[in-house]
Each structure stands twice: as C-alpha cells, then as structure tokens.
Amino acid sequence: MTNRYKKILFWSPRIICILFAVFISIFALDVFEENKELRDIIIGLAIHLIPTFLIIVLLILSWKWEWIGGIFFIALGILYIVFAYGKFPLSVYFIISGPLFVVGALFLMNWFWRKEIRKA
C-alpha cells in the first residue's frame, strides 16, 4: 500500500463523517418558523441536533480508536433502518444509513491496517 492510499484511507472516513454531520444538521433548520418564540426555537434546535452531536462525539472517539467508529457507525446505520422501517421509501434508507455503513467500514479498515497507516 503506497503512502497516498494510506492517507486516503486515513482521511476518507473522517471527512465523510464530517460531511454527513453537516448533511444531518440541515434537517434541523425546519425549527425556524414565523411567530415562534426564541425559547421554542432553541429547544427545538437542540432536540433536532442530538443526532449530529452523537455523530460528532463518535467521530472524536473514532479519530484515535478506529474500532469504536467501525462498530458504532455500522450499529447506527442498522438502528436507523430498524426504527424507521416501513416509514420511508427505500432511497431514504440508502441516503441516511449508507454513509454510516461506509464510514463504519472505512474505520474498520483503518483499525485493521492501523500500523501501516500510522507510519505514513
């Protein structure tokens, strides 16, 4: 494995995870409506951003211990499918769970080849 591929393998799950957190955060924007009190907007925003905070915490833990990201991102993808089963079209499951599975698999690959990757 060349140094270029090692760097790509190291950075790709982290960058995808950050982009996914930004994507999930966009769904929190629906709390901004006319004639809503500031207190209600702040509470609604905090509730809508719980998944984003969870993803960020997992990313911080996974940055050093890749096995945590491998296990928990895949588990999040499965949990989303289980809890949302039958509520949305199939494409929604791919859009939400797909990146979680990819990030989890990439973190597991990082963990598996961690000695080689850390040398680069």
N, C-alpha and C. Protein backbone atom coordinates (compact mmCIF):
# COMPACT_ATOMS: atom_id res chain seq x y z
N MET A 1 0.85 -1.17 0.00
CA MET A 1 0.00 0.00 0.00
C MET A 1 0.90 1.24 0.00
N THR A 2 0.68 2.13 -0.95
CA THR A 2 1.50 3.34 -1.05
C THR A 2 1.07 4.37 -0.02
N ASN A 3 1.93 5.35 0.20
CA ASN A 3 1.61 6.40 1.18
C ASN A 3 0.36 7.17 0.78
N ARG A 4 0.15 7.35 -0.51
CA ARG A 4 -1.04 8.07 -0.98
C ARG A 4 -2.31 7.33 -0.57
N TYR A 5 -2.35 6.03 -0.78
CA TYR A 5 -3.53 5.24 -0.40
C TYR A 5 -3.70 5.19 1.11
N LYS A 6 -2.61 5.18 1.83
CA LYS A 6 -2.69 5.19 3.30
C LYS A 6 -3.33 6.49 3.79
N LYS A 7 -2.93 7.60 3.19
CA LYS A 7 -3.51 8.89 3.59
C LYS A 7 -4.99 8.96 3.21
N ILE A 8 -5.32 8.45 2.03
CA ILE A 8 -6.72 8.44 1.61
C ILE A 8 -7.55 7.58 2.55
N LEU A 9 -7.03 6.42 2.90
CA LEU A 9 -7.75 5.53 3.82
C LEU A 9 -7.87 6.15 5.20
N PHE A 10 -6.88 6.90 5.63
CA PHE A 10 -6.94 7.55 6.94
C PHE A 10 -7.96 8.67 6.96
N TRP A 11 -7.95 9.53 5.94
CA TRP A 11 -8.78 10.73 5.96
C TRP A 11 -10.20 10.52 5.44
N SER A 12 -10.43 9.55 4.59
CA SER A 12 -11.76 9.41 3.99
C SER A 12 -12.89 9.18 5.00
N PRO A 13 -12.77 8.29 6.00
CA PRO A 13 -13.91 8.15 6.92
C PRO A 13 -14.14 9.41 7.75
N ARG A 14 -13.08 10.11 8.06
CA ARG A 14 -13.22 11.33 8.87
C ARG A 14 -13.91 12.44 8.09
N ILE A 15 -13.52 12.61 6.84
CA ILE A 15 -14.13 13.65 6.01
C ILE A 15 -15.58 13.31 5.68
N ILE A 16 -15.84 12.05 5.34
CA ILE A 16 -17.23 11.64 5.05
C ILE A 16 -18.10 11.83 6.28
N CYS A 17 -17.56 11.53 7.45
CA CYS A 17 -18.32 11.68 8.69
C CYS A 17 -18.65 13.16 8.96
N ILE A 18 -17.69 14.04 8.73
CA ILE A 18 -17.94 15.47 8.91
C ILE A 18 -19.00 15.96 7.94
N LEU A 19 -18.90 15.54 6.68
CA LEU A 19 -19.90 15.94 5.68
C LEU A 19 -21.28 15.38 6.02
N PHE A 20 -21.32 14.16 6.55
CA PHE A 20 -22.59 13.57 6.94
C PHE A 20 -23.20 14.33 8.12
N ALA A 21 -22.37 14.75 9.06
CA ALA A 21 -22.87 15.53 10.20
C ALA A 21 -23.47 16.86 9.72
N VAL A 22 -22.82 17.48 8.75
CA VAL A 22 -23.36 18.72 8.19
C VAL A 22 -24.68 18.44 7.48
N PHE A 23 -24.73 17.36 6.71
CA PHE A 23 -25.96 16.98 6.00
C PHE A 23 -27.12 16.73 6.97
N ILE A 24 -26.85 15.99 8.03
CA ILE A 24 -27.90 15.70 9.01
C ILE A 24 -28.34 16.98 9.73
N SER A 25 -27.42 17.91 9.92
CA SER A 25 -27.75 19.16 10.59
C SER A 25 -28.72 20.02 9.79
N ILE A 26 -28.71 19.85 8.48
CA ILE A 26 -29.61 20.64 7.64
C ILE A 26 -31.08 20.38 8.00
N PHE A 27 -31.38 19.16 8.43
CA PHE A 27 -32.76 18.83 8.79
C PHE A 27 -33.25 19.58 10.02
N ALA A 28 -32.34 20.15 10.79
CA ALA A 28 -32.72 20.91 11.97
C ALA A 28 -33.24 22.30 11.63
N LEU A 29 -33.06 22.73 10.41
CA LEU A 29 -33.47 24.07 10.02
C LEU A 29 -34.98 24.26 9.96
N ASP A 30 -35.73 23.17 10.04
CA ASP A 30 -37.18 23.31 9.98
C ASP A 30 -37.78 23.89 11.26
N VAL A 31 -36.97 24.13 12.28
CA VAL A 31 -37.50 24.73 13.51
C VAL A 31 -37.69 26.24 13.36
N PHE A 32 -37.10 26.83 12.34
CA PHE A 32 -37.22 28.27 12.15
C PHE A 32 -38.50 28.57 11.38
N GLU A 33 -39.51 28.99 12.13
CA GLU A 33 -40.80 29.36 11.56
C GLU A 33 -41.19 30.73 12.09
N GLU A 34 -42.10 31.36 11.38
CA GLU A 34 -42.59 32.65 11.84
C GLU A 34 -43.42 32.47 13.10
N ASN A 35 -43.47 33.50 13.90
CA ASN A 35 -44.29 33.56 15.10
C ASN A 35 -43.93 32.49 16.14
N LYS A 36 -42.68 32.06 16.16
CA LYS A 36 -42.23 31.14 17.20
C LYS A 36 -41.37 31.91 18.18
N GLU A 37 -41.52 31.59 19.44
CA GLU A 37 -40.71 32.25 20.45
C GLU A 37 -39.27 31.73 20.39
N LEU A 38 -38.34 32.55 20.81
CA LEU A 38 -36.94 32.19 20.79
C LEU A 38 -36.67 30.95 21.63
N ARG A 39 -37.33 30.83 22.75
CA ARG A 39 -37.16 29.67 23.63
C ARG A 39 -37.57 28.39 22.91
N ASP A 40 -38.68 28.43 22.20
CA ASP A 40 -39.14 27.25 21.46
C ASP A 40 -38.19 26.89 20.31
N ILE A 41 -37.64 27.90 19.67
CA ILE A 41 -36.69 27.66 18.59
C ILE A 41 -35.42 27.01 19.13
N ILE A 42 -34.91 27.51 20.26
CA ILE A 42 -33.69 26.96 20.84
C ILE A 42 -33.90 25.52 21.30
N ILE A 43 -35.03 25.25 21.94
CA ILE A 43 -35.32 23.88 22.40
C ILE A 43 -35.48 22.95 21.20
N GLY A 44 -36.21 23.38 20.20
CA GLY A 44 -36.39 22.56 19.00
C GLY A 44 -35.08 22.30 18.28
N LEU A 45 -34.25 23.32 18.19
CA LEU A 45 -32.96 23.17 17.53
C LEU A 45 -32.07 22.18 18.29
N ALA A 46 -32.08 22.28 19.61
CA ALA A 46 -31.27 21.35 20.43
C ALA A 46 -31.74 19.92 20.25
N ILE A 47 -33.03 19.71 20.20
CA ILE A 47 -33.57 18.36 20.02
C ILE A 47 -33.24 17.83 18.64
N HIS A 48 -33.36 18.66 17.62
CA HIS A 48 -33.07 18.22 16.25
C HIS A 48 -31.58 17.95 16.02
N LEU A 49 -30.73 18.57 16.82
CA LEU A 49 -29.29 18.40 16.62
C LEU A 49 -28.68 17.28 17.47
N ILE A 50 -29.50 16.55 18.22
CA ILE A 50 -28.99 15.43 19.01
C ILE A 50 -28.27 14.40 18.13
N PRO A 51 -28.83 13.98 16.99
CA PRO A 51 -28.08 13.03 16.14
C PRO A 51 -26.74 13.59 15.67
N THR A 52 -26.69 14.88 15.37
CA THR A 52 -25.43 15.49 14.94
C THR A 52 -24.40 15.46 16.07
N PHE A 53 -24.84 15.78 17.29
CA PHE A 53 -23.93 15.74 18.43
C PHE A 53 -23.41 14.32 18.66
N LEU A 54 -24.28 13.34 18.51
CA LEU A 54 -23.88 11.94 18.66
C LEU A 54 -22.83 11.56 17.62
N ILE A 55 -23.03 11.97 16.39
CA ILE A 55 -22.08 11.67 15.32
C ILE A 55 -20.74 12.36 15.59
N ILE A 56 -20.77 13.59 16.07
CA ILE A 56 -19.54 14.31 16.37
C ILE A 56 -18.78 13.65 17.51
N VAL A 57 -19.48 13.23 18.56
CA VAL A 57 -18.83 12.54 19.68
C VAL A 57 -18.21 11.23 19.19
N LEU A 58 -18.94 10.48 18.38
CA LEU A 58 -18.39 9.24 17.84
C LEU A 58 -17.17 9.50 16.95
N LEU A 59 -17.20 10.57 16.18
CA LEU A 59 -16.06 10.91 15.35
C LEU A 59 -14.84 11.24 16.20
N ILE A 60 -15.04 11.99 17.28
CA ILE A 60 -13.92 12.33 18.17
C ILE A 60 -13.31 11.07 18.77
N LEU A 61 -14.16 10.16 19.21
CA LEU A 61 -13.65 8.90 19.77
C LEU A 61 -12.98 8.04 18.70
N SER A 62 -13.55 8.05 17.51
CA SER A 62 -13.05 7.21 16.43
C SER A 62 -11.75 7.74 15.84
N TRP A 63 -11.47 8.99 16.05
CA TRP A 63 -10.27 9.58 15.48
C TRP A 63 -9.03 8.84 15.99
N LYS A 64 -9.06 8.44 17.25
CA LYS A 64 -7.93 7.73 17.82
C LYS A 64 -8.17 6.22 17.86
N TRP A 65 -9.36 5.82 18.24
CA TRP A 65 -9.70 4.40 18.35
C TRP A 65 -10.67 4.04 17.24
N GLU A 66 -10.14 3.61 16.11
CA GLU A 66 -10.94 3.38 14.92
C GLU A 66 -11.97 2.28 15.09
N TRP A 67 -11.70 1.31 15.94
CA TRP A 67 -12.64 0.21 16.13
C TRP A 67 -13.96 0.72 16.70
N ILE A 68 -13.92 1.78 17.50
CA ILE A 68 -15.15 2.36 18.04
C ILE A 68 -16.02 2.88 16.89
N GLY A 69 -15.41 3.60 15.97
CA GLY A 69 -16.16 4.10 14.81
C GLY A 69 -16.68 2.98 13.94
N GLY A 70 -15.85 1.95 13.76
CA GLY A 70 -16.29 0.82 12.94
C GLY A 70 -17.53 0.15 13.49
N ILE A 71 -17.54 -0.07 14.77
CA ILE A 71 -18.67 -0.76 15.39
C ILE A 71 -19.89 0.15 15.50
N PHE A 72 -19.70 1.35 16.03
CA PHE A 72 -20.85 2.19 16.34
C PHE A 72 -21.49 2.85 15.12
N PHE A 73 -20.72 3.19 14.10
CA PHE A 73 -21.34 3.76 12.90
C PHE A 73 -22.17 2.71 12.16
N ILE A 74 -21.67 1.49 12.10
CA ILE A 74 -22.46 0.42 11.50
C ILE A 74 -23.71 0.14 12.34
N ALA A 75 -23.55 0.17 13.67
CA ALA A 75 -24.70 -0.03 14.55
C ALA A 75 -25.74 1.09 14.38
N LEU A 76 -25.29 2.32 14.22
CA LEU A 76 -26.23 3.43 13.97
C LEU A 76 -26.99 3.24 12.67
N GLY A 77 -26.31 2.78 11.64
CA GLY A 77 -26.98 2.51 10.37
C GLY A 77 -28.05 1.45 10.51
N ILE A 78 -27.73 0.39 11.24
CA ILE A 78 -28.71 -0.68 11.47
C ILE A 78 -29.87 -0.18 12.32
N LEU A 79 -29.56 0.58 13.37
CA LEU A 79 -30.63 1.11 14.24
C LEU A 79 -31.57 2.03 13.47
N TYR A 80 -31.03 2.84 12.57
CA TYR A 80 -31.90 3.71 11.78
C TYR A 80 -32.86 2.89 10.93
N ILE A 81 -32.35 1.86 10.30
CA ILE A 81 -33.21 1.01 9.47
C ILE A 81 -34.27 0.33 10.33
N VAL A 82 -33.89 -0.17 11.49
CA VAL A 82 -34.84 -0.86 12.37
C VAL A 82 -35.95 0.08 12.84
N PHE A 83 -35.56 1.28 13.31
CA PHE A 83 -36.56 2.19 13.86
C PHE A 83 -37.41 2.89 12.80
N ALA A 84 -36.86 3.08 11.61
CA ALA A 84 -37.60 3.78 10.56
C ALA A 84 -38.19 2.84 9.53
N TYR A 85 -38.12 1.55 9.76
CA TYR A 85 -38.56 0.57 8.77
C TYR A 85 -40.03 0.78 8.39
N GLY A 86 -40.27 0.87 7.10
CA GLY A 86 -41.62 0.99 6.58
C GLY A 86 -42.17 2.40 6.54
N LYS A 87 -41.45 3.37 7.05
CA LYS A 87 -41.95 4.74 7.09
C LYS A 87 -41.55 5.57 5.87
N PHE A 88 -40.48 5.15 5.19
CA PHE A 88 -39.94 5.94 4.09
C PHE A 88 -39.67 5.06 2.89
N PRO A 89 -39.49 5.67 1.73
CA PRO A 89 -39.07 4.89 0.55
C PRO A 89 -37.65 4.34 0.75
N LEU A 90 -37.31 3.35 -0.02
CA LEU A 90 -36.01 2.68 0.10
C LEU A 90 -34.84 3.65 -0.08
N SER A 91 -34.99 4.64 -0.92
CA SER A 91 -33.90 5.59 -1.17
C SER A 91 -33.50 6.35 0.10
N VAL A 92 -34.44 6.60 0.98
CA VAL A 92 -34.13 7.30 2.24
C VAL A 92 -33.19 6.47 3.09
N TYR A 93 -33.41 5.17 3.12
CA TYR A 93 -32.54 4.30 3.91
C TYR A 93 -31.11 4.30 3.36
N PHE A 94 -30.99 4.34 2.03
CA PHE A 94 -29.67 4.41 1.43
C PHE A 94 -28.99 5.74 1.72
N ILE A 95 -29.76 6.82 1.70
CA ILE A 95 -29.19 8.16 1.91
C ILE A 95 -28.74 8.34 3.35
N ILE A 96 -29.49 7.82 4.31
CA ILE A 96 -29.14 8.01 5.72
C ILE A 96 -28.22 6.90 6.22
N SER A 97 -28.58 5.66 6.00
CA SER A 97 -27.78 4.55 6.54
C SER A 97 -26.55 4.24 5.69
N GLY A 98 -26.62 4.49 4.41
CA GLY A 98 -25.50 4.19 3.53
C GLY A 98 -24.19 4.84 3.96
N PRO A 99 -24.17 6.17 4.18
CA PRO A 99 -22.93 6.79 4.64
C PRO A 99 -22.45 6.26 5.99
N LEU A 100 -23.39 5.90 6.86
CA LEU A 100 -22.99 5.35 8.16
C LEU A 100 -22.28 4.01 7.98
N PHE A 101 -22.80 3.17 7.08
CA PHE A 101 -22.15 1.89 6.80
C PHE A 101 -20.77 2.09 6.16
N VAL A 102 -20.68 3.04 5.25
CA VAL A 102 -19.40 3.31 4.58
C VAL A 102 -18.37 3.81 5.58
N VAL A 103 -18.77 4.76 6.42
CA VAL A 103 -17.84 5.30 7.44
C VAL A 103 -17.42 4.20 8.40
N GLY A 104 -18.37 3.37 8.83
CA GLY A 104 -18.03 2.28 9.73
C GLY A 104 -17.06 1.30 9.10
N ALA A 105 -17.30 0.95 7.84
CA ALA A 105 -16.40 0.02 7.15
C ALA A 105 -15.01 0.63 6.97
N LEU A 106 -14.95 1.92 6.65
CA LEU A 106 -13.65 2.57 6.48
C LEU A 106 -12.88 2.67 7.80
N PHE A 107 -13.61 2.92 8.89
CA PHE A 107 -12.94 2.94 10.20
C PHE A 107 -12.44 1.55 10.57
N LEU A 108 -13.19 0.52 10.23
CA LEU A 108 -12.71 -0.84 10.50
C LEU A 108 -11.46 -1.15 9.67
N MET A 109 -11.43 -0.68 8.42
CA MET A 109 -10.24 -0.86 7.60
C MET A 109 -9.06 -0.10 8.19
N ASN A 110 -9.32 1.11 8.71
CA ASN A 110 -8.29 1.89 9.39
C ASN A 110 -7.74 1.13 10.58
N TRP A 111 -8.62 0.52 11.33
CA TRP A 111 -8.20 -0.21 12.52
C TRP A 111 -7.40 -1.45 12.14
N PHE A 112 -7.85 -2.14 11.09
CA PHE A 112 -7.18 -3.35 10.66
C PHE A 112 -5.75 -3.07 10.18
N TRP A 113 -5.56 -1.97 9.43
CA TRP A 113 -4.25 -1.61 8.90
C TRP A 113 -3.63 -0.42 9.64
N ARG A 114 -3.95 -0.25 10.91
CA ARG A 114 -3.52 0.93 11.65
C ARG A 114 -2.01 1.09 11.73
N LYS A 115 -1.27 0.01 11.85
CA LYS A 115 0.19 0.11 11.96
C LYS A 115 0.79 0.66 10.67
N GLU A 116 0.31 0.19 9.56
CA GLU A 116 0.82 0.67 8.27
C GLU A 116 0.41 2.13 8.01
N ILE A 117 -0.84 2.45 8.35
CA ILE A 117 -1.37 3.78 8.09
C ILE A 117 -0.69 4.82 8.97
N ARG A 118 -0.46 4.50 10.22
CA ARG A 118 0.17 5.46 11.15
C ARG A 118 1.61 5.79 10.76
N LYS A 119 2.27 4.87 10.08
CA LYS A 119 3.64 5.13 9.63
C LYS A 119 3.67 6.20 8.55
N ALA A 120 2.60 6.26 7.76
CA ALA A 120 2.53 7.26 6.68
C ALA A 120 2.24 8.60 7.29
